Structure formats: C-alpha cells, structure tokens
Amino acid sequence: MSHTVGVSEMVTVKRCVKYPLTPSLPQTQILIAQANAARVMWNLIHAHHTFHEASHRWPTWTDSDAAIRQARKDIDWLAVLPAQAAQQVLKAYVQAWKSYWAGTHGRPKFKSRRARRAVDVPQARDLNITRLNRKCGTVQIPKVGVCKVRLHRALPEKVTGARVVLEATGGCWSSAARTKSSNPAHVVQSAARSESIAVSRTQSPCRTGRSSTNQTP
C-alpha cells in the first residue's frame, strides 16, 4: 500500500522588483543612446541570422557573437552599449528562438523605433546598490554613472542583475532588479522533487519618482 510523507524541499523563487530611477539629464541622454543601440543590435543580429534563410543556411550563435563584437568595433555609436549588455541582447535573441520553437511565442522579428527602450545590466556586481536613507539610494549603471533610485520597498537579499526601462507612461525610468532566493517548502507527496516558481511583480514607478526629462518612447 502506497502512502505519502511530508518532504521538506528548497524552492527557487525568481522575481522582478521595480524601483523608480531618477537620472540626470546627461545620464538620461546616455540611457536613451544605449537603449537605441540595444534595439539596433537586436536588428543586426536578426538580419545576420536570417540573411540566408531562403537557402536554409543558418549561422551559428558563435558567428553571431563574433559579428556583435566586430560591429561594436566598426560602428562608434554602438560602442555606447556596454559589452555585457550587448551579450545580453544576443542571449535574449537566442531565447526568443527557443520560445518560438517551443510554440509558446511568435517568431522573432525586427524591432521598430516604437519598441520599449531598455538596457540590461546582467552582472549584479556592476550595480553597486547603496542605501542613503530609509527611502533613497544610489545604483551604478555601466557607462552612465551613479543614479539616484527610490527604494520604496526593502531591497532583496540577493540581486542577480537589473534592467533599466523607460516606461511608456510619463517618460519615467525604472530599474527592475532581478532577484533569486531559495525558500524551504513543505510538500506532501510520494517522492521529493525540485520545483521552480517564477513570480513577476510590477508596480508603476511614476507614482513615486520622476526623471529629468519628459520624453516618451
């Protein structure tokens, strides 16, 4: 006769927490330039990957990576995008194709100028988040500098990266911190198993902070 027992396991919890960002006007201009470079980088990767699509000749991801590195050397204004952020664009493009092959998303395509402006900071050590008081702090963004951030909620214990986004409402910038934690969970089942839970939390940043510009994407 089968029976069930209580099993304690560690559940990996991933979430995204937004914090309103208030960059200065020069910093805002650099962020916009980086976001535009990231969009163009996506389009260059897509053009490179689908150039010989009719003849079913597809380049490898290693070829695409080499093309990115060469493009940042040959095109000056693409170099405003940090190298790690450029690599993150390639990773996102690869994931887009995997999602398409899995049948969960549409086919990757070119991004228009109306696409959401965003810049990834994949390495948490580059952020250097510092709390100044109970509600305010600073965050380091590569090639942008130290920006003020409103800490309207407690900082997560472990930050794995961030994504700086220009919100469509009000032209406000926000820093979406990616966090990861492992929590014990008591599960009643016949055998222990691992489980991954993705939790996405969103909150309008424009209610608590404003940027130095009113530009909209």
N, C-alpha and C. Protein backbone atom coordinates (compact mmCIF):
# COMPACT_ATOMS: atom_id res chain seq x y z
N MET A 1 0.86 -1.19 0.00
CA MET A 1 0.00 0.00 0.00
C MET A 1 0.90 1.24 0.00
N SER A 2 0.59 2.11 -0.94
CA SER A 2 1.39 3.32 -1.03
C SER A 2 0.92 4.34 -0.01
N HIS A 3 1.85 5.13 0.47
CA HIS A 3 1.49 6.17 1.41
C HIS A 3 2.36 7.40 1.13
N THR A 4 1.93 8.55 1.58
CA THR A 4 2.65 9.79 1.34
C THR A 4 3.26 10.28 2.63
N VAL A 5 4.37 10.98 2.50
CA VAL A 5 5.06 11.52 3.66
C VAL A 5 5.35 12.99 3.39
N GLY A 6 5.55 13.76 4.45
CA GLY A 6 5.88 15.17 4.28
C GLY A 6 7.35 15.32 3.94
N VAL A 7 7.65 16.06 2.88
CA VAL A 7 9.02 16.24 2.42
C VAL A 7 9.33 17.73 2.41
N SER A 8 10.45 18.08 3.00
CA SER A 8 10.88 19.48 3.01
C SER A 8 11.87 19.68 1.87
N GLU A 9 11.61 20.65 1.03
CA GLU A 9 12.48 20.90 -0.10
C GLU A 9 12.70 22.40 -0.26
N MET A 10 13.71 22.75 -1.04
CA MET A 10 14.03 24.14 -1.31
C MET A 10 13.44 24.53 -2.65
N VAL A 11 12.65 25.59 -2.65
CA VAL A 11 12.01 26.07 -3.87
C VAL A 11 12.70 27.34 -4.33
N THR A 12 13.12 27.38 -5.58
CA THR A 12 13.78 28.55 -6.14
C THR A 12 12.73 29.56 -6.57
N VAL A 13 12.80 30.75 -6.02
CA VAL A 13 11.84 31.81 -6.31
C VAL A 13 12.56 32.92 -7.07
N LYS A 14 12.07 33.22 -8.26
CA LYS A 14 12.62 34.31 -9.07
C LYS A 14 11.56 35.39 -9.22
N ARG A 15 11.96 36.63 -9.06
CA ARG A 15 11.01 37.71 -9.21
C ARG A 15 11.72 38.96 -9.70
N CYS A 16 10.92 39.92 -10.13
CA CYS A 16 11.44 41.18 -10.64
C CYS A 16 10.77 42.31 -9.86
N VAL A 17 11.57 43.14 -9.20
CA VAL A 17 11.05 44.23 -8.39
C VAL A 17 11.49 45.56 -8.99
N LYS A 18 10.54 46.44 -9.24
CA LYS A 18 10.84 47.73 -9.86
C LYS A 18 11.10 48.81 -8.82
N TYR A 19 12.10 49.63 -9.11
CA TYR A 19 12.41 50.79 -8.29
C TYR A 19 12.50 52.02 -9.19
N PRO A 20 11.80 53.11 -8.85
CA PRO A 20 11.86 54.33 -9.66
C PRO A 20 13.28 54.90 -9.71
N LEU A 21 13.71 55.24 -10.90
CA LEU A 21 15.05 55.75 -11.12
C LEU A 21 14.97 57.22 -11.54
N THR A 22 15.85 58.06 -11.01
CA THR A 22 15.83 59.49 -11.34
C THR A 22 17.21 59.91 -11.86
N PRO A 23 17.52 59.59 -13.11
CA PRO A 23 18.80 60.01 -13.68
C PRO A 23 18.79 61.50 -14.01
N SER A 24 19.97 62.09 -14.09
CA SER A 24 20.08 63.48 -14.51
C SER A 24 19.85 63.57 -16.01
N LEU A 25 19.76 64.78 -16.52
CA LEU A 25 19.53 64.95 -17.95
C LEU A 25 20.65 64.35 -18.80
N PRO A 26 21.94 64.59 -18.49
CA PRO A 26 23.00 63.93 -19.27
C PRO A 26 22.94 62.40 -19.17
N GLN A 27 22.62 61.89 -17.97
CA GLN A 27 22.51 60.44 -17.80
C GLN A 27 21.33 59.90 -18.61
N THR A 28 20.23 60.65 -18.66
CA THR A 28 19.07 60.23 -19.44
C THR A 28 19.41 60.12 -20.91
N GLN A 29 20.19 61.06 -21.42
CA GLN A 29 20.59 61.03 -22.83
C GLN A 29 21.46 59.81 -23.13
N ILE A 30 22.34 59.46 -22.18
CA ILE A 30 23.18 58.27 -22.37
C ILE A 30 22.32 57.01 -22.34
N LEU A 31 21.36 56.94 -21.42
CA LEU A 31 20.47 55.77 -21.34
C LEU A 31 19.67 55.60 -22.62
N ILE A 32 19.18 56.72 -23.17
CA ILE A 32 18.42 56.64 -24.42
C ILE A 32 19.31 56.15 -25.55
N ALA A 33 20.56 56.63 -25.59
CA ALA A 33 21.50 56.18 -26.62
C ALA A 33 21.80 54.70 -26.47
N GLN A 34 21.96 54.22 -25.23
CA GLN A 34 22.21 52.80 -25.01
C GLN A 34 21.00 51.96 -25.41
N ALA A 35 19.80 52.43 -25.06
CA ALA A 35 18.59 51.68 -25.41
C ALA A 35 18.41 51.60 -26.92
N ASN A 36 18.70 52.71 -27.62
CA ASN A 36 18.61 52.69 -29.08
C ASN A 36 19.65 51.75 -29.68
N ALA A 37 20.85 51.74 -29.10
CA ALA A 37 21.90 50.84 -29.58
C ALA A 37 21.51 49.39 -29.35
N ALA A 38 20.85 49.10 -28.22
CA ALA A 38 20.41 47.73 -27.95
C ALA A 38 19.36 47.29 -28.96
N ARG A 39 18.46 48.20 -29.34
CA ARG A 39 17.44 47.86 -30.34
C ARG A 39 18.09 47.59 -31.70
N VAL A 40 19.04 48.45 -32.09
CA VAL A 40 19.73 48.26 -33.37
C VAL A 40 20.55 46.97 -33.33
N MET A 41 21.15 46.68 -32.19
CA MET A 41 21.93 45.45 -32.05
C MET A 41 21.04 44.23 -32.29
N TRP A 42 19.83 44.25 -31.73
CA TRP A 42 18.87 43.15 -31.96
C TRP A 42 18.59 43.01 -33.46
N ASN A 43 18.34 44.14 -34.13
CA ASN A 43 18.02 44.10 -35.55
C ASN A 43 19.20 43.60 -36.38
N LEU A 44 20.42 43.98 -36.00
CA LEU A 44 21.60 43.49 -36.71
C LEU A 44 21.76 41.98 -36.54
N ILE A 45 21.52 41.50 -35.33
CA ILE A 45 21.61 40.05 -35.09
C ILE A 45 20.55 39.32 -35.91
N HIS A 46 19.35 39.88 -35.94
CA HIS A 46 18.27 39.23 -36.70
C HIS A 46 18.57 39.23 -38.20
N ALA A 47 19.11 40.33 -38.70
CA ALA A 47 19.48 40.40 -40.12
C ALA A 47 20.60 39.41 -40.44
N HIS A 48 21.57 39.32 -39.54
CA HIS A 48 22.69 38.39 -39.74
C HIS A 48 22.22 36.94 -39.69
N HIS A 49 21.30 36.66 -38.78
CA HIS A 49 20.86 35.28 -38.60
C HIS A 49 19.95 34.80 -39.72
N THR A 50 19.17 35.70 -40.30
CA THR A 50 18.18 35.31 -41.32
C THR A 50 18.59 35.71 -42.74
N PHE A 51 19.84 36.12 -42.94
CA PHE A 51 20.27 36.61 -44.25
C PHE A 51 20.15 35.53 -45.32
N HIS A 52 20.52 34.28 -44.99
CA HIS A 52 20.47 33.17 -45.96
C HIS A 52 19.31 32.22 -45.63
N GLU A 53 18.24 32.78 -45.11
CA GLU A 53 17.11 31.94 -44.71
C GLU A 53 16.50 31.20 -45.90
N ALA A 54 16.46 31.84 -47.06
CA ALA A 54 15.84 31.21 -48.23
C ALA A 54 16.58 29.94 -48.64
N SER A 55 17.88 29.92 -48.44
CA SER A 55 18.67 28.74 -48.81
C SER A 55 18.90 27.81 -47.62
N HIS A 56 18.20 28.10 -46.50
CA HIS A 56 18.29 27.27 -45.30
C HIS A 56 19.73 27.18 -44.78
N ARG A 57 20.43 28.28 -44.89
CA ARG A 57 21.79 28.34 -44.35
C ARG A 57 21.76 29.28 -43.15
N TRP A 58 21.94 28.70 -41.98
CA TRP A 58 21.86 29.47 -40.75
C TRP A 58 23.22 29.58 -40.09
N PRO A 59 23.62 30.79 -39.69
CA PRO A 59 24.90 30.92 -38.98
C PRO A 59 24.78 30.36 -37.56
N THR A 60 25.90 30.01 -37.00
CA THR A 60 25.90 29.53 -35.62
C THR A 60 25.84 30.73 -34.67
N TRP A 61 25.51 30.45 -33.41
CA TRP A 61 25.47 31.53 -32.43
C TRP A 61 26.86 32.08 -32.17
N THR A 62 27.87 31.25 -32.39
CA THR A 62 29.25 31.74 -32.27
C THR A 62 29.55 32.77 -33.35
N ASP A 63 29.03 32.53 -34.56
CA ASP A 63 29.19 33.51 -35.64
C ASP A 63 28.48 34.81 -35.30
N SER A 64 27.30 34.71 -34.71
CA SER A 64 26.55 35.91 -34.32
C SER A 64 27.29 36.68 -33.24
N ASP A 65 27.89 35.96 -32.31
CA ASP A 65 28.65 36.61 -31.25
C ASP A 65 29.85 37.36 -31.82
N ALA A 66 30.53 36.73 -32.78
CA ALA A 66 31.67 37.39 -33.41
C ALA A 66 31.22 38.62 -34.20
N ALA A 67 30.04 38.54 -34.83
CA ALA A 67 29.52 39.68 -35.57
C ALA A 67 29.21 40.85 -34.64
N ILE A 68 28.71 40.56 -33.44
CA ILE A 68 28.42 41.60 -32.45
C ILE A 68 29.71 42.32 -32.05
N ARG A 69 30.73 41.54 -31.76
CA ARG A 69 31.99 42.14 -31.32
C ARG A 69 32.59 43.01 -32.42
N GLN A 70 32.49 42.56 -33.66
CA GLN A 70 33.03 43.33 -34.77
C GLN A 70 32.23 44.59 -35.00
N ALA A 71 30.90 44.50 -34.85
CA ALA A 71 30.04 45.67 -35.06
C ALA A 71 30.34 46.76 -34.04
N ARG A 72 30.62 46.37 -32.78
CA ARG A 72 30.93 47.36 -31.76
C ARG A 72 32.26 48.04 -32.02
N LYS A 73 33.15 47.38 -32.78
CA LYS A 73 34.43 47.98 -33.14
C LYS A 73 34.29 48.89 -34.35
N ASP A 74 33.44 48.50 -35.30
CA ASP A 74 33.33 49.24 -36.56
C ASP A 74 32.37 50.43 -36.47
N ILE A 75 31.34 50.32 -35.63
CA ILE A 75 30.32 51.38 -35.53
C ILE A 75 30.49 52.07 -34.18
N ASP A 76 30.91 53.32 -34.23
CA ASP A 76 31.25 54.03 -33.00
C ASP A 76 30.08 54.14 -32.04
N TRP A 77 28.89 54.50 -32.55
CA TRP A 77 27.77 54.75 -31.65
C TRP A 77 27.18 53.47 -31.07
N LEU A 78 27.58 52.32 -31.59
CA LEU A 78 27.17 51.06 -30.97
C LEU A 78 28.01 50.77 -29.73
N ALA A 79 29.21 51.37 -29.67
CA ALA A 79 30.10 51.13 -28.54
C ALA A 79 29.59 51.77 -27.25
N VAL A 80 28.56 52.66 -27.37
CA VAL A 80 27.99 53.24 -26.15
C VAL A 80 27.29 52.18 -25.32
N LEU A 81 26.90 51.08 -25.96
CA LEU A 81 26.30 49.96 -25.25
C LEU A 81 27.41 49.10 -24.64
N PRO A 82 27.39 48.89 -23.32
CA PRO A 82 28.43 48.06 -22.69
C PRO A 82 28.48 46.66 -23.29
N ALA A 83 29.65 46.06 -23.26
CA ALA A 83 29.85 44.75 -23.87
C ALA A 83 28.92 43.70 -23.27
N GLN A 84 28.75 43.72 -21.94
CA GLN A 84 27.89 42.73 -21.30
C GLN A 84 26.43 42.93 -21.68
N ALA A 85 26.02 44.19 -21.86
CA ALA A 85 24.65 44.45 -22.29
C ALA A 85 24.43 43.96 -23.72
N ALA A 86 25.46 44.10 -24.57
CA ALA A 86 25.37 43.59 -25.94
C ALA A 86 25.25 42.07 -25.95
N GLN A 87 26.00 41.40 -25.08
CA GLN A 87 25.91 39.95 -24.97
C GLN A 87 24.53 39.53 -24.48
N GLN A 88 23.94 40.34 -23.62
CA GLN A 88 22.60 40.03 -23.12
C GLN A 88 21.56 40.14 -24.23
N VAL A 89 21.77 41.04 -25.18
CA VAL A 89 20.86 41.15 -26.33
C VAL A 89 20.89 39.85 -27.13
N LEU A 90 22.10 39.30 -27.34
CA LEU A 90 22.22 38.04 -28.05
C LEU A 90 21.54 36.91 -27.29
N LYS A 91 21.71 36.87 -25.97
CA LYS A 91 21.06 35.83 -25.16
C LYS A 91 19.54 35.92 -25.27
N ALA A 92 19.03 37.15 -25.24
CA ALA A 92 17.59 37.34 -25.37
C ALA A 92 17.10 36.89 -26.74
N TYR A 93 17.91 37.14 -27.78
CA TYR A 93 17.53 36.72 -29.13
C TYR A 93 17.52 35.20 -29.26
N VAL A 94 18.53 34.56 -28.66
CA VAL A 94 18.57 33.10 -28.68
C VAL A 94 17.35 32.52 -27.96
N GLN A 95 17.01 33.12 -26.81
CA GLN A 95 15.85 32.65 -26.05
C GLN A 95 14.56 32.87 -26.82
N ALA A 96 14.50 33.94 -27.61
CA ALA A 96 13.31 34.21 -28.42
C ALA A 96 13.08 33.09 -29.44
N TRP A 97 14.17 32.60 -30.04
CA TRP A 97 14.04 31.49 -30.99
C TRP A 97 13.66 30.20 -30.27
N LYS A 98 14.21 29.96 -29.09
CA LYS A 98 13.85 28.76 -28.33
C LYS A 98 12.37 28.78 -27.96
N SER A 99 11.87 29.95 -27.57
CA SER A 99 10.45 30.06 -27.24
C SER A 99 9.59 29.85 -28.47
N TYR A 100 10.07 30.32 -29.62
CA TYR A 100 9.33 30.12 -30.87
C TYR A 100 9.28 28.64 -31.24
N TRP A 101 10.41 27.96 -31.12
CA TRP A 101 10.44 26.52 -31.43
C TRP A 101 9.60 25.72 -30.45
N ALA A 102 9.48 26.20 -29.21
CA ALA A 102 8.66 25.51 -28.21
C ALA A 102 7.17 25.78 -28.40
N GLY A 103 6.86 26.74 -29.27
CA GLY A 103 5.46 27.04 -29.55
C GLY A 103 4.80 27.96 -28.54
N THR A 104 5.58 28.62 -27.69
CA THR A 104 4.99 29.50 -26.68
C THR A 104 4.97 30.97 -27.09
N HIS A 105 5.78 31.34 -28.09
CA HIS A 105 5.85 32.72 -28.53
C HIS A 105 5.91 32.77 -30.05
N GLY A 106 5.71 33.98 -30.58
CA GLY A 106 5.79 34.16 -32.02
C GLY A 106 7.22 34.18 -32.53
N ARG A 107 7.35 34.23 -33.83
CA ARG A 107 8.67 34.21 -34.46
C ARG A 107 9.39 35.53 -34.21
N PRO A 108 10.68 35.50 -33.86
CA PRO A 108 11.43 36.75 -33.67
C PRO A 108 11.41 37.61 -34.93
N LYS A 109 11.34 38.90 -34.75
CA LYS A 109 11.30 39.83 -35.88
C LYS A 109 12.05 41.11 -35.52
N PHE A 110 12.15 42.00 -36.50
CA PHE A 110 12.84 43.26 -36.27
C PHE A 110 12.05 44.12 -35.27
N LYS A 111 12.79 44.92 -34.50
CA LYS A 111 12.16 45.83 -33.54
C LYS A 111 12.09 47.22 -34.14
N SER A 112 10.91 47.82 -34.05
CA SER A 112 10.73 49.17 -34.59
C SER A 112 11.19 50.21 -33.57
N ARG A 113 11.17 51.48 -33.98
CA ARG A 113 11.57 52.55 -33.08
C ARG A 113 10.56 52.75 -31.96
N ARG A 114 9.38 52.18 -32.12
CA ARG A 114 8.37 52.29 -31.08
C ARG A 114 8.52 51.21 -30.01
N ALA A 115 9.48 50.33 -30.19
CA ALA A 115 9.68 49.26 -29.21
C ALA A 115 10.10 49.85 -27.87
N ARG A 116 9.82 49.12 -26.82
CA ARG A 116 10.16 49.58 -25.47
C ARG A 116 11.67 49.74 -25.33
N ARG A 117 12.08 50.87 -24.77
CA ARG A 117 13.50 51.14 -24.59
C ARG A 117 13.98 50.55 -23.27
N ALA A 118 15.02 49.75 -23.35
CA ALA A 118 15.53 49.09 -22.15
C ALA A 118 17.00 48.75 -22.34
N VAL A 119 17.71 48.72 -21.22
CA VAL A 119 19.13 48.35 -21.20
C VAL A 119 19.33 47.37 -20.06
N ASP A 120 20.01 46.26 -20.34
CA ASP A 120 20.25 45.24 -19.33
C ASP A 120 21.59 45.46 -18.63
N VAL A 121 21.58 45.21 -17.33
CA VAL A 121 22.80 45.16 -16.53
C VAL A 121 22.86 43.75 -15.96
N PRO A 122 23.43 42.79 -16.70
CA PRO A 122 23.33 41.38 -16.31
C PRO A 122 24.13 41.00 -15.07
N GLN A 123 25.18 41.76 -14.75
CA GLN A 123 26.02 41.42 -13.61
C GLN A 123 25.64 42.25 -12.40
N ALA A 124 25.28 41.58 -11.32
CA ALA A 124 24.86 42.29 -10.11
C ALA A 124 26.00 43.09 -9.49
N ARG A 125 27.22 42.64 -9.66
CA ARG A 125 28.35 43.34 -9.04
C ARG A 125 28.56 44.72 -9.66
N ASP A 126 28.06 44.94 -10.88
CA ASP A 126 28.21 46.24 -11.53
C ASP A 126 27.24 47.28 -10.97
N LEU A 127 26.19 46.84 -10.30
CA LEU A 127 25.16 47.76 -9.82
C LEU A 127 25.62 48.58 -8.62
N ASN A 128 26.31 47.93 -7.70
CA ASN A 128 26.82 48.62 -6.51
C ASN A 128 25.70 49.42 -5.83
N ILE A 129 24.63 48.75 -5.48
CA ILE A 129 23.48 49.41 -4.86
C ILE A 129 23.85 49.87 -3.45
N THR A 130 23.60 51.15 -3.17
CA THR A 130 23.92 51.73 -1.87
C THR A 130 22.70 52.46 -1.32
N ARG A 131 22.34 52.15 -0.09
CA ARG A 131 21.22 52.83 0.55
C ARG A 131 21.71 54.10 1.26
N LEU A 132 21.08 55.24 0.95
CA LEU A 132 21.44 56.51 1.57
C LEU A 132 20.61 56.79 2.81
N ASN A 133 19.33 56.47 2.76
CA ASN A 133 18.45 56.61 3.91
C ASN A 133 17.33 55.59 3.78
N ARG A 134 16.23 55.82 4.48
CA ARG A 134 15.18 54.80 4.51
C ARG A 134 14.52 54.60 3.15
N LYS A 135 14.43 55.66 2.33
CA LYS A 135 13.69 55.57 1.08
C LYS A 135 14.51 55.85 -0.17
N CYS A 136 15.73 56.28 -0.03
CA CYS A 136 16.53 56.64 -1.19
C CYS A 136 17.87 55.90 -1.20
N GLY A 137 18.42 55.75 -2.38
CA GLY A 137 19.71 55.09 -2.54
C GLY A 137 20.32 55.44 -3.88
N THR A 138 21.41 54.80 -4.21
CA THR A 138 22.07 55.01 -5.49
C THR A 138 22.37 53.66 -6.14
N VAL A 139 22.46 53.68 -7.45
CA VAL A 139 22.79 52.48 -8.20
C VAL A 139 23.76 52.86 -9.31
N GLN A 140 24.74 52.01 -9.55
CA GLN A 140 25.75 52.25 -10.58
C GLN A 140 25.33 51.57 -11.87
N ILE A 141 25.26 52.35 -12.96
CA ILE A 141 24.92 51.81 -14.27
C ILE A 141 26.13 51.97 -15.18
N PRO A 142 26.62 50.90 -15.81
CA PRO A 142 27.81 50.99 -16.65
C PRO A 142 27.70 52.06 -17.73
N LYS A 143 28.73 52.89 -17.83
CA LYS A 143 28.87 53.97 -18.81
C LYS A 143 27.85 55.09 -18.60
N VAL A 144 27.08 55.03 -17.54
CA VAL A 144 26.11 56.08 -17.22
C VAL A 144 26.53 56.79 -15.93
N GLY A 145 26.92 56.03 -14.94
CA GLY A 145 27.35 56.59 -13.68
C GLY A 145 26.39 56.25 -12.56
N VAL A 146 26.52 56.97 -11.47
CA VAL A 146 25.69 56.74 -10.29
C VAL A 146 24.38 57.49 -10.44
N CYS A 147 23.27 56.77 -10.33
CA CYS A 147 21.93 57.35 -10.44
C CYS A 147 21.19 57.19 -9.11
N LYS A 148 20.35 58.15 -8.83
CA LYS A 148 19.53 58.05 -7.63
C LYS A 148 18.36 57.11 -7.89
N VAL A 149 18.01 56.33 -6.89
CA VAL A 149 16.90 55.39 -7.00
C VAL A 149 16.06 55.48 -5.74
N ARG A 150 14.76 55.42 -5.90
CA ARG A 150 13.85 55.46 -4.76
C ARG A 150 13.56 54.04 -4.29
N LEU A 151 13.95 53.74 -3.08
CA LEU A 151 13.76 52.41 -2.52
C LEU A 151 12.45 52.38 -1.74
N HIS A 152 11.35 52.27 -2.48
CA HIS A 152 10.03 52.30 -1.86
C HIS A 152 9.68 50.97 -1.20
N ARG A 153 10.54 49.99 -1.37
CA ARG A 153 10.35 48.70 -0.72
C ARG A 153 11.72 48.13 -0.37
N ALA A 154 11.74 47.18 0.54
CA ALA A 154 13.00 46.64 1.03
C ALA A 154 13.81 46.02 -0.12
N LEU A 155 15.13 46.13 -0.03
CA LEU A 155 16.00 45.52 -1.03
C LEU A 155 16.01 44.01 -0.85
N PRO A 156 15.99 43.26 -1.95
CA PRO A 156 16.08 41.80 -1.85
C PRO A 156 17.44 41.39 -1.30
N GLU A 157 17.48 40.20 -0.73
CA GLU A 157 18.73 39.69 -0.17
C GLU A 157 19.77 39.42 -1.26
N LYS A 158 19.31 38.93 -2.40
CA LYS A 158 20.24 38.59 -3.48
C LYS A 158 19.72 39.14 -4.80
N VAL A 159 20.49 40.08 -5.39
CA VAL A 159 20.15 40.67 -6.68
C VAL A 159 21.07 40.05 -7.74
N THR A 160 20.49 39.48 -8.78
CA THR A 160 21.28 38.80 -9.82
C THR A 160 21.52 39.68 -11.03
N GLY A 161 20.86 40.82 -11.12
CA GLY A 161 21.01 41.70 -12.27
C GLY A 161 19.90 42.73 -12.27
N ALA A 162 19.86 43.53 -13.35
CA ALA A 162 18.82 44.55 -13.43
C ALA A 162 18.56 44.89 -14.89
N ARG A 163 17.43 45.56 -15.10
CA ARG A 163 17.04 46.02 -16.42
C ARG A 163 16.50 47.43 -16.28
N VAL A 164 17.15 48.39 -16.91
CA VAL A 164 16.72 49.78 -16.85
C VAL A 164 15.74 50.03 -18.00
N VAL A 165 14.53 50.46 -17.64
CA VAL A 165 13.44 50.56 -18.61
C VAL A 165 12.87 51.97 -18.63
N LEU A 166 12.60 52.50 -19.83
CA LEU A 166 11.88 53.75 -19.97
C LEU A 166 10.40 53.42 -20.09
N GLU A 167 9.63 53.78 -19.07
CA GLU A 167 8.22 53.45 -19.05
C GLU A 167 7.45 54.30 -20.05
N ALA A 168 6.41 53.72 -20.62
CA ALA A 168 5.60 54.43 -21.60
C ALA A 168 4.76 55.53 -20.97
N THR A 169 4.45 55.39 -19.69
CA THR A 169 3.60 56.36 -19.00
C THR A 169 4.44 57.42 -18.32
N GLY A 170 4.41 58.64 -18.86
CA GLY A 170 5.10 59.75 -18.23
C GLY A 170 6.57 59.86 -18.52
N GLY A 171 7.14 58.95 -19.29
CA GLY A 171 8.56 59.02 -19.60
C GLY A 171 9.45 58.79 -18.40
N CYS A 172 9.01 57.98 -17.45
CA CYS A 172 9.78 57.71 -16.23
C CYS A 172 10.69 56.51 -16.43
N TRP A 173 11.89 56.59 -15.87
CA TRP A 173 12.81 55.47 -15.89
C TRP A 173 12.64 54.64 -14.63
N SER A 174 12.80 53.36 -14.76
CA SER A 174 12.74 52.48 -13.59
C SER A 174 13.82 51.41 -13.73
N SER A 175 14.28 50.95 -12.59
CA SER A 175 15.28 49.88 -12.54
C SER A 175 14.60 48.63 -12.03
N ALA A 176 14.48 47.62 -12.88
CA ALA A 176 13.85 46.36 -12.49
C ALA A 176 14.93 45.40 -12.03
N ALA A 177 15.01 45.21 -10.73
CA ALA A 177 16.03 44.33 -10.16
C ALA A 177 15.58 42.89 -10.22
N ARG A 178 16.42 42.02 -10.78
CA ARG A 178 16.12 40.59 -10.84
C ARG A 178 16.69 39.93 -9.59
N THR A 179 15.86 39.20 -8.89
CA THR A 179 16.28 38.57 -7.64
C THR A 179 16.05 37.07 -7.71
N LYS A 180 16.76 36.37 -6.85
CA LYS A 180 16.65 34.91 -6.78
C LYS A 180 16.88 34.49 -5.34
N SER A 181 16.00 33.65 -4.84
CA SER A 181 16.15 33.16 -3.47
C SER A 181 15.64 31.74 -3.39
N SER A 182 16.11 31.03 -2.39
CA SER A 182 15.69 29.65 -2.15
C SER A 182 15.00 29.59 -0.79
N ASN A 183 13.76 29.15 -0.79
CA ASN A 183 12.97 29.08 0.43
C ASN A 183 12.54 27.65 0.69
N PRO A 184 12.51 27.22 1.95
CA PRO A 184 12.03 25.87 2.26
C PRO A 184 10.52 25.76 2.04
N ALA A 185 10.10 24.66 1.49
CA ALA A 185 8.67 24.42 1.27
C ALA A 185 8.34 23.01 1.75
N HIS A 186 7.24 22.88 2.48
CA HIS A 186 6.81 21.58 2.99
C HIS A 186 5.74 21.03 2.04
N VAL A 187 6.07 19.97 1.39
CA VAL A 187 5.20 19.38 0.39
C VAL A 187 4.88 17.95 0.78
N VAL A 188 3.63 17.56 0.65
CA VAL A 188 3.21 16.19 0.91
C VAL A 188 3.10 15.48 -0.43
N GLN A 189 3.98 14.52 -0.66
CA GLN A 189 3.99 13.80 -1.92
C GLN A 189 4.72 12.48 -1.73
N SER A 190 4.66 11.62 -2.74
CA SER A 190 5.24 10.30 -2.65
C SER A 190 6.75 10.32 -2.79
N ALA A 191 7.29 11.31 -3.52
CA ALA A 191 8.74 11.41 -3.70
C ALA A 191 9.11 12.87 -3.77
N ALA A 192 10.32 13.16 -3.34
CA ALA A 192 10.77 14.54 -3.37
C ALA A 192 11.10 14.92 -4.81
N ARG A 193 10.78 16.16 -5.16
CA ARG A 193 11.09 16.65 -6.50
C ARG A 193 11.43 18.13 -6.38
N SER A 194 12.18 18.64 -7.37
CA SER A 194 12.55 20.05 -7.38
C SER A 194 11.52 20.82 -8.18
N GLU A 195 11.32 22.05 -7.82
CA GLU A 195 10.30 22.87 -8.47
C GLU A 195 10.83 24.29 -8.60
N SER A 196 10.55 24.91 -9.73
CA SER A 196 10.96 26.29 -9.97
C SER A 196 9.72 27.14 -10.17
N ILE A 197 9.62 28.22 -9.42
CA ILE A 197 8.47 29.12 -9.49
C ILE A 197 8.95 30.48 -9.93
N ALA A 198 8.33 31.02 -10.97
CA ALA A 198 8.67 32.35 -11.46
C ALA A 198 7.56 33.30 -11.04
N VAL A 199 7.92 34.35 -10.33
CA VAL A 199 6.96 35.32 -9.86
C VAL A 199 7.35 36.67 -10.43
N SER A 200 6.43 37.33 -11.11
CA SER A 200 6.69 38.64 -11.67
C SER A 200 5.80 39.65 -10.98
N ARG A 201 6.42 40.63 -10.38
CA ARG A 201 5.68 41.68 -9.71
C ARG A 201 5.95 43.00 -10.41
N THR A 202 4.91 43.75 -10.70
CA THR A 202 5.06 45.03 -11.35
C THR A 202 4.37 46.09 -10.53
N GLN A 203 4.93 47.30 -10.59
CA GLN A 203 4.36 48.43 -9.90
C GLN A 203 4.72 49.68 -10.66
N SER A 204 3.78 50.59 -10.84
CA SER A 204 4.03 51.80 -11.60
C SER A 204 5.04 52.67 -10.88
N PRO A 205 6.21 52.92 -11.49
CA PRO A 205 7.25 53.69 -10.82
C PRO A 205 6.99 55.18 -10.86
N CYS A 206 6.13 55.65 -11.76
CA CYS A 206 5.95 57.07 -11.96
C CYS A 206 5.16 57.71 -10.83
N ARG A 207 4.62 56.90 -9.94
CA ARG A 207 3.89 57.47 -8.82
C ARG A 207 4.83 58.00 -7.74
N THR A 208 6.04 57.46 -7.71
CA THR A 208 6.95 57.82 -6.62
C THR A 208 8.21 58.51 -7.09
N GLY A 209 8.45 58.59 -8.39
CA GLY A 209 9.67 59.22 -8.86
C GLY A 209 9.50 59.75 -10.26
N ARG A 210 10.26 60.80 -10.61
CA ARG A 210 10.19 61.39 -11.93
C ARG A 210 11.59 61.54 -12.47
N SER A 211 11.71 61.42 -13.78
CA SER A 211 13.01 61.61 -14.40
C SER A 211 13.19 63.07 -14.76
N SER A 212 14.37 63.42 -15.25
CA SER A 212 14.66 64.80 -15.59
C SER A 212 14.19 65.16 -16.98
N THR A 213 13.50 64.26 -17.65
CA THR A 213 13.00 64.53 -19.00
C THR A 213 11.61 63.99 -19.13
N ASN A 214 10.87 64.58 -20.06
CA ASN A 214 9.51 64.13 -20.31
C ASN A 214 9.39 63.43 -21.64
N GLN A 215 10.50 62.93 -22.16
CA GLN A 215 10.47 62.23 -23.42
C GLN A 215 9.73 60.91 -23.26
N THR A 216 8.98 60.54 -24.29
CA THR A 216 8.27 59.27 -24.33
C THR A 216 8.84 58.43 -25.43
N PRO A 217 8.75 57.09 -25.33
CA PRO A 217 9.35 56.22 -26.36
C PRO A 217 8.62 56.31 -27.66
